[in-house]
């Protein structure tokens, strides 16, 4: 019985950690976004955040 409780707690911990990781993950930048950021950096300013 105790092993089921430990297994349940471990499962809940894993689900919480996976959901936190998925929430923090950012989608990768596209080629156009990278070009815009580099051009803005070369021009000495930061482009407006959308």
PDB file of N, CA and C in Angstrom:
ATOM      1  N   UNK A   1       0.823  -1.199   0.000  1.00  0.00           N
ATOM      2  CA  UNK A   1       0.000   0.000   0.000  1.00  0.00           C
ATOM      3  C   UNK A   1       0.861   1.254   0.000  1.00  0.00           C
ATOM      4  N   UNK A   2       1.911   1.241   0.801  1.00  0.00           N
ATOM      5  CA  UNK A   2       2.802   2.398   0.870  1.00  0.00           C
ATOM      6  C   UNK A   2       3.499   2.606  -0.475  1.00  0.00           C
ATOM      7  N   UNK A   3       3.812   1.517  -1.151  1.00  0.00           N
ATOM      8  CA  UNK A   3       4.477   1.643  -2.455  1.00  0.00           C
ATOM      9  C   UNK A   3       3.566   2.320  -3.476  1.00  0.00           C
ATOM     10  N   UNK A   4       2.256   2.118  -3.397  1.00  0.00           N
ATOM     11  CA  UNK A   4       1.327   2.792  -4.292  1.00  0.00           C
ATOM     12  C   UNK A   4       1.303   4.292  -4.019  1.00  0.00           C
ATOM     13  N   UNK A   5       1.365   4.674  -2.764  1.00  0.00           N
ATOM     14  CA  UNK A   5       1.396   6.098  -2.403  1.00  0.00           C
ATOM     15  C   UNK A   5       2.670   6.741  -2.938  1.00  0.00           C
ATOM     16  N   UNK A   6       3.791   6.075  -2.754  1.00  0.00           N
ATOM     17  CA  UNK A   6       5.069   6.605  -3.257  1.00  0.00           C
ATOM     18  C   UNK A   6       5.039   6.688  -4.782  1.00  0.00           C
ATOM     19  N   UNK A   7       4.492   5.686  -5.419  1.00  0.00           N
ATOM     20  CA  UNK A   7       4.382   5.690  -6.873  1.00  0.00           C
ATOM     21  C   UNK A   7       3.473   6.824  -7.353  1.00  0.00           C
ATOM     22  N   UNK A   8       2.373   7.050  -6.659  1.00  0.00           N
ATOM     23  CA  UNK A   8       1.460   8.144  -7.021  1.00  0.00           C
ATOM     24  C   UNK A   8       2.106   9.504  -6.849  1.00  0.00           C
ATOM     25  N   UNK A   9       2.826   9.698  -5.758  1.00  0.00           N
ATOM     26  CA  UNK A   9       3.514  10.973  -5.524  1.00  0.00           C
ATOM     27  C   UNK A   9       4.585  11.196  -6.585  1.00  0.00           C
ATOM     28  N   UNK A  10       5.310  10.157  -6.936  1.00  0.00           N
ATOM     29  CA  UNK A  10       6.337  10.261  -7.972  1.00  0.00           C
ATOM     30  C   UNK A  10       5.714  10.611  -9.312  1.00  0.00           C
ATOM     31  N   UNK A  11       4.585   9.998  -9.634  1.00  0.00           N
ATOM     32  CA  UNK A  11       3.897  10.294 -10.886  1.00  0.00           C
ATOM     33  C   UNK A  11       3.425  11.740 -10.920  1.00  0.00           C
ATOM     34  N   UNK A  12       2.827  12.219  -9.834  1.00  0.00           N
ATOM     35  CA  UNK A  12       2.377  13.610  -9.785  1.00  0.00           C
ATOM     36  C   UNK A  12       3.550  14.576  -9.907  1.00  0.00           C
ATOM     37  N   UNK A  13       4.660  14.272  -9.257  1.00  0.00           N
ATOM     38  CA  UNK A  13       5.854  15.113  -9.354  1.00  0.00           C
ATOM     39  C   UNK A  13       6.348  15.180 -10.797  1.00  0.00           C
ATOM     40  N   UNK A  14       6.366  14.037 -11.476  1.00  0.00           N
ATOM     41  CA  UNK A  14       6.823  14.010 -12.866  1.00  0.00           C
ATOM     42  C   UNK A  14       5.884  14.808 -13.767  1.00  0.00           C
ATOM     43  N   UNK A  15       4.590  14.687 -13.565  1.00  0.00           N
ATOM     44  CA  UNK A  15       3.621  15.432 -14.373  1.00  0.00           C
ATOM     45  C   UNK A  15       3.776  16.934 -14.159  1.00  0.00           C
ATOM     46  N   UNK A  16       3.972  17.351 -12.916  1.00  0.00           N
ATOM     47  CA  UNK A  16       4.151  18.774 -12.614  1.00  0.00           C
ATOM     48  C   UNK A  16       5.433  19.294 -13.253  1.00  0.00           C
ATOM     49  N   UNK A  17       6.522  18.551 -13.149  1.00  0.00           N
ATOM     50  CA  UNK A  17       7.790  18.993 -13.729  1.00  0.00           C
ATOM     51  C   UNK A  17       7.708  19.080 -15.251  1.00  0.00           C
ATOM     52  N   UNK A  18       7.054  18.135 -15.882  1.00  0.00           N
ATOM     53  CA  UNK A  18       6.911  18.163 -17.338  1.00  0.00           C
ATOM     54  C   UNK A  18       6.047  19.344 -17.764  1.00  0.00           C
ATOM     55  N   UNK A  19       4.979  19.613 -17.032  1.00  0.00           N
ATOM     56  CA  UNK A  19       4.120  20.741 -17.397  1.00  0.00           C
ATOM     57  C   UNK A  19       4.835  22.074 -17.187  1.00  0.00           C
ATOM     58  N   UNK A  20       5.653  22.190 -16.138  1.00  0.00           N
ATOM     59  CA  UNK A  20       6.428  23.416 -15.940  1.00  0.00           C
ATOM     60  C   UNK A  20       7.455  23.600 -17.046  1.00  0.00           C
ATOM     61  N   UNK A  21       8.088  22.523 -17.460  1.00  0.00           N
ATOM     62  CA  UNK A  21       9.056  22.600 -18.551  1.00  0.00           C
ATOM     63  C   UNK A  21       8.374  23.023 -19.844  1.00  0.00           C
ATOM     64  N   UNK A  22       7.210  22.471 -20.126  1.00  0.00           N
ATOM     65  CA  UNK A  22       6.485  22.820 -21.353  1.00  0.00           C
ATOM     66  C   UNK A  22       6.012  24.262 -21.329  1.00  0.00           C
ATOM     67  N   UNK A  23       5.662  24.778 -20.158  1.00  0.00           N
ATOM     68  CA  UNK A  23       5.208  26.164 -20.052  1.00  0.00           C
ATOM     69  C   UNK A  23       6.361  27.139 -20.263  1.00  0.00           C
ATOM     70  N   UNK A  24       7.574  26.767 -19.845  1.00  0.00           N
ATOM     71  CA  UNK A  24       8.729  27.655 -19.983  1.00  0.00           C
ATOM     72  C   UNK A  24       9.338  27.615 -21.370  1.00  0.00           C
ATOM     73  N   UNK A  25       9.110  26.541 -22.092  1.00  0.00           N
ATOM     74  CA  UNK A  25       9.751  26.361 -23.395  1.00  0.00           C
ATOM     75  C   UNK A  25       9.260  27.422 -24.368  1.00  0.00           C
ATOM     76  N   UNK A  26      10.206  28.006 -25.111  1.00  0.00           N
ATOM     77  CA  UNK A  26       9.867  29.003 -26.111  1.00  0.00           C
ATOM     78  C   UNK A  26       9.934  28.376 -27.487  1.00  0.00           C
ATOM     79  N   UNK A  27       9.117  28.888 -28.371  1.00  0.00           N
ATOM     80  CA  UNK A  27       9.199  28.367 -29.728  1.00  0.00           C
ATOM     81  C   UNK A  27      10.419  28.973 -30.408  1.00  0.00           C
ATOM     82  N   UNK A  28      11.078  28.221 -31.259  1.00  0.00           N
ATOM     83  CA  UNK A  28      12.298  28.726 -31.892  1.00  0.00           C
ATOM     84  C   UNK A  28      12.005  29.896 -32.830  1.00  0.00           C
ATOM     85  N   UNK A  29      12.970  30.776 -32.968  1.00  0.00           N
ATOM     86  CA  UNK A  29      12.811  31.925 -33.832  1.00  0.00           C
ATOM     87  C   UNK A  29      12.954  31.507 -35.290  1.00  0.00           C
ATOM     88  N   UNK A  30      12.184  32.162 -36.127  1.00  0.00           N
ATOM     89  CA  UNK A  30      12.301  31.911 -37.556  1.00  0.00           C
ATOM     90  C   UNK A  30      13.446  32.718 -38.145  1.00  0.00           C
ATOM     91  N   UNK A  31      13.767  32.426 -39.379  1.00  0.00           N
ATOM     92  CA  UNK A  31      14.870  33.109 -40.050  1.00  0.00           C
ATOM     93  C   UNK A  31      14.606  34.618 -40.158  1.00  0.00           C
ATOM     94  N   UNK A  32      13.358  34.998 -40.431  1.00  0.00           N
ATOM     95  CA  UNK A  32      13.024  36.422 -40.552  1.00  0.00           C
ATOM     96  C   UNK A  32      13.182  37.147 -39.216  1.00  0.00           C
ATOM     97  N   UNK A  33      12.778  36.492 -38.122  1.00  0.00           N
ATOM     98  CA  UNK A  33      12.927  37.105 -36.798  1.00  0.00           C
ATOM     99  C   UNK A  33      14.397  37.309 -36.444  1.00  0.00           C
ATOM    100  N   UNK A  34      15.221  36.335 -36.776  1.00  0.00           N
ATOM    101  CA  UNK A  34      16.651  36.456 -36.498  1.00  0.00           C
ATOM    102  C   UNK A  34      17.245  37.601 -37.307  1.00  0.00           C
ATOM    103  N   UNK A  35      16.856  37.695 -38.592  1.00  0.00           N
ATOM    104  CA  UNK A  35      17.359  38.779 -39.437  1.00  0.00           C
ATOM    105  C   UNK A  35      16.959  40.146 -38.894  1.00  0.00           C
ATOM    106  N   UNK A  36      15.703  40.286 -38.444  1.00  0.00           N
ATOM    107  CA  UNK A  36      15.238  41.560 -37.893  1.00  0.00           C
ATOM    108  C   UNK A  36      16.005  41.935 -36.637  1.00  0.00           C
ATOM    109  N   UNK A  37      16.252  40.975 -35.769  1.00  0.00           N
ATOM    110  CA  UNK A  37      16.981  41.254 -34.526  1.00  0.00           C
ATOM    111  C   UNK A  37      18.429  41.634 -34.804  1.00  0.00           C
ATOM    112  N   UNK A  38      19.068  40.945 -35.740  1.00  0.00           N
ATOM    113  CA  UNK A  38      20.444  41.280 -36.079  1.00  0.00           C
ATOM    114  C   UNK A  38      20.529  42.661 -36.708  1.00  0.00           C
ATOM    115  N   UNK A  39      19.602  42.987 -37.590  1.00  0.00           N
ATOM    116  CA  UNK A  39      19.595  44.295 -38.231  1.00  0.00           C
ATOM    117  C   UNK A  39      19.361  45.393 -37.190  1.00  0.00           C
ATOM    118  N   UNK A  40      18.455  45.158 -36.247  1.00  0.00           N
ATOM    119  CA  UNK A  40      18.210  46.142 -35.202  1.00  0.00           C
ATOM    120  C   UNK A  40      19.440  46.326 -34.318  1.00  0.00           C
ATOM    121  N   UNK A  41      20.145  45.249 -34.028  1.00  0.00           N
ATOM    122  CA  UNK A  41      21.356  45.342 -33.203  1.00  0.00           C
ATOM    123  C   UNK A  41      22.449  46.106 -33.939  1.00  0.00           C
ATOM    124  N   UNK A  42      22.565  45.863 -35.233  1.00  0.00           N
ATOM    125  CA  UNK A  42      23.585  46.574 -36.026  1.00  0.00           C
ATOM    126  C   UNK A  42      23.256  48.063 -36.153  1.00  0.00           C
ATOM    127  N   UNK A  43      21.990  48.408 -36.142  1.00  0.00           N
ATOM    128  CA  UNK A  43      21.574  49.809 -36.249  1.00  0.00           C
ATOM    129  C   UNK A  43      21.651  50.526 -34.907  1.00  0.00           C
ATOM    130  N   UNK A  44      21.969  49.823 -33.857  1.00  0.00           N
ATOM    131  CA  UNK A  44      22.138  50.447 -32.558  1.00  0.00           C
ATOM    132  C   UNK A  44      20.881  50.569 -31.733  1.00  0.00           C
ATOM    133  N   UNK A  45      19.814  49.961 -32.142  1.00  0.00           N
ATOM    134  CA  UNK A  45      18.569  50.046 -31.384  1.00  0.00           C
ATOM    135  C   UNK A  45      17.923  48.684 -31.273  1.00  0.00           C
ATOM    136  N   UNK A  46      16.874  48.629 -30.507  1.00  0.00           N
ATOM    137  CA  UNK A  46      16.114  47.397 -30.347  1.00  0.00           C
ATOM    138  C   UNK A  46      14.769  47.589 -30.996  1.00  0.00           C
ATOM    139  N   UNK A  47      14.341  46.605 -31.756  1.00  0.00           N
ATOM    140  CA  UNK A  47      13.045  46.733 -32.414  1.00  0.00           C
ATOM    141  C   UNK A  47      11.935  46.650 -31.374  1.00  0.00           C
ATOM    142  N   UNK A  48      10.810  47.220 -31.677  1.00  0.00           N
ATOM    143  CA  UNK A  48       9.679  47.216 -30.746  1.00  0.00           C
ATOM    144  C   UNK A  48       9.168  45.800 -30.564  1.00  0.00           C
ATOM    145  N   UNK A  49       8.924  45.426 -29.336  1.00  0.00           N
ATOM    146  CA  UNK A  49       8.388  44.085 -29.034  1.00  0.00           C
ATOM    147  C   UNK A  49       6.942  44.035 -29.437  1.00  0.00           C
ATOM    148  N   UNK A  50       6.543  42.929 -30.043  1.00  0.00           N
ATOM    149  CA  UNK A  50       5.160  42.782 -30.499  1.00  0.00           C
ATOM    150  C   UNK A  50       4.370  41.976 -29.522  1.00  0.00           C
TER     151      UNK A  50
END
